[in-house]
Amino acid sequence: MQALLEQRKDSRSSVAWPVSVWIPEANRFVIGRSCNISKTGVFITLPLTAPIRTGHLVELNFPRTEALAKEKGQFARIKRGKIVRVDRTNLLENAEIGVGIAFE
């Protein structure tokens, strides 16, 4: 049995927000859902057809509610990041892949 070592530097918060991911290499957006987030990164799920791999740089668009958009002055929070993990373990169960992204 192999033990996994926790490598996270910051605590994560569980969230279930819609997120759109711009993948420059594919010149397209992919729609997914966030699972958890911290100051330094996010774990999201994407459709299995998403053309991504470890090392890709992406832009994440987290839409805001209308009330929050009025408060912050924009309708989305956009973050750049690098894909550091692609998890295909649940691929057959729900046709999704898990993607770990470290913010830049």
Protein backbone atom coordinates (compact mmCIF):
# COMPACT_ATOMS: atom_id res chain seq x y z
CA MET A 1 0.00 0.00 0.00
CA GLN A 2 1.35 3.40 -1.00
CA ALA A 3 0.80 6.49 1.15
CA LEU A 4 0.12 9.81 -0.56
CA LEU A 5 1.87 12.87 0.80
CA GLU A 6 -0.10 16.09 0.98
CA GLN A 7 1.68 18.70 -1.17
CA ARG A 8 -0.77 21.59 -0.90
CA LYS A 9 0.55 24.81 0.58
CA ASP A 10 -2.82 26.47 1.14
CA SER A 11 -6.12 25.17 2.46
CA ARG A 12 -8.81 24.51 -0.12
CA SER A 13 -12.48 25.40 -0.08
CA SER A 14 -15.05 23.13 -1.70
CA VAL A 15 -17.01 24.97 -4.38
CA ALA A 16 -19.22 24.06 -7.32
CA TRP A 17 -18.99 27.04 -9.65
CA PRO A 18 -19.32 26.94 -13.42
CA VAL A 19 -16.05 27.80 -15.13
CA SER A 20 -15.06 28.33 -18.73
CA VAL A 21 -11.51 27.47 -19.71
CA TRP A 22 -9.74 29.11 -22.66
CA ILE A 23 -7.22 26.69 -24.17
CA PRO A 24 -4.95 28.68 -26.53
CA GLU A 25 -3.40 25.54 -28.10
CA ALA A 26 -6.86 24.44 -29.24
CA ASN A 27 -8.15 27.99 -29.88
CA ARG A 28 -11.39 27.26 -28.00
CA PHE A 29 -13.30 27.42 -24.74
CA VAL A 30 -14.35 24.37 -22.73
CA ILE A 31 -17.06 24.58 -20.06
CA GLY A 32 -16.52 22.79 -16.75
CA ARG A 33 -17.17 23.01 -13.02
CA SER A 34 -14.86 23.85 -10.14
CA CYS A 35 -14.55 21.36 -7.28
CA ASN A 36 -12.22 23.12 -4.87
CA ILE A 37 -10.12 26.27 -4.84
CA SER A 38 -7.34 27.95 -2.87
CA LYS A 39 -5.19 31.06 -3.22
CA THR A 40 -2.71 29.13 -5.38
CA GLY A 41 -4.86 26.85 -7.52
CA VAL A 42 -8.08 25.12 -8.42
CA PHE A 43 -9.31 21.61 -9.21
CA ILE A 44 -11.99 21.45 -11.90
CA THR A 45 -13.82 18.85 -13.93
CA LEU A 46 -14.03 19.06 -17.72
CA PRO A 47 -15.62 16.91 -20.43
CA LEU A 48 -13.42 14.01 -21.49
CA THR A 49 -13.15 15.61 -24.95
CA ALA A 50 -11.27 18.64 -23.57
CA PRO A 51 -7.99 18.94 -25.51
CA ILE A 52 -5.70 19.49 -22.52
CA ARG A 53 -2.54 18.02 -21.07
CA THR A 54 -0.13 18.73 -18.24
CA GLY A 55 1.90 21.85 -18.91
CA HIS A 56 -0.73 23.73 -20.93
CA LEU A 57 -1.31 27.36 -19.96
CA VAL A 58 -4.99 28.25 -19.72
CA GLU A 59 -7.27 31.12 -18.74
CA LEU A 60 -10.10 30.45 -16.31
CA ASN A 61 -13.26 32.53 -16.34
CA PHE A 62 -15.30 32.36 -13.13
CA PRO A 63 -18.66 34.10 -13.76
CA ARG A 64 -20.03 36.33 -11.00
CA THR A 65 -23.59 36.90 -9.92
CA GLU A 66 -25.14 40.19 -10.98
CA ALA A 67 -24.95 41.56 -7.43
CA LEU A 68 -21.26 40.69 -7.09
CA ALA A 69 -20.52 42.04 -10.56
CA LYS A 70 -22.00 45.40 -9.54
CA GLU A 71 -19.88 45.41 -6.39
CA LYS A 72 -16.64 44.39 -8.15
CA GLY A 73 -17.23 46.23 -11.42
CA GLN A 74 -16.98 43.25 -13.76
CA PHE A 75 -18.97 40.12 -14.53
CA ALA A 76 -16.16 37.59 -14.30
CA ARG A 77 -12.98 36.81 -12.43
CA ILE A 78 -10.33 35.74 -14.92
CA LYS A 79 -7.22 33.87 -13.76
CA ARG A 80 -4.30 32.44 -15.72
CA GLY A 81 -2.83 29.11 -14.73
CA LYS A 82 -0.80 26.09 -15.68
CA ILE A 83 -2.22 22.57 -15.79
CA VAL A 84 -0.25 20.53 -13.26
CA ARG A 85 -2.43 17.42 -13.06
CA VAL A 86 -4.89 15.52 -15.25
CA ASP A 87 -6.88 12.83 -13.43
CA ARG A 88 -8.70 10.31 -15.62
CA THR A 89 -9.71 7.87 -12.85
CA ASN A 90 -13.46 8.69 -13.07
CA LEU A 91 -13.53 8.77 -16.84
CA LEU A 92 -15.83 5.77 -17.28
CA GLU A 93 -18.18 6.75 -14.45
CA ASN A 94 -19.13 10.24 -15.58
CA ALA A 95 -17.26 11.04 -18.83
CA GLU A 96 -15.26 13.78 -17.09
CA ILE A 97 -11.62 14.37 -16.29
CA GLY A 98 -10.28 16.13 -13.24
CA VAL A 99 -7.78 18.93 -13.85
CA GLY A 100 -5.49 20.56 -11.31
CA ILE A 101 -4.43 24.09 -12.22
CA ALA A 102 -1.82 26.23 -10.43
CA PHE A 103 -2.52 29.95 -10.70
CA GLU A 104 0.20 32.19 -12.10
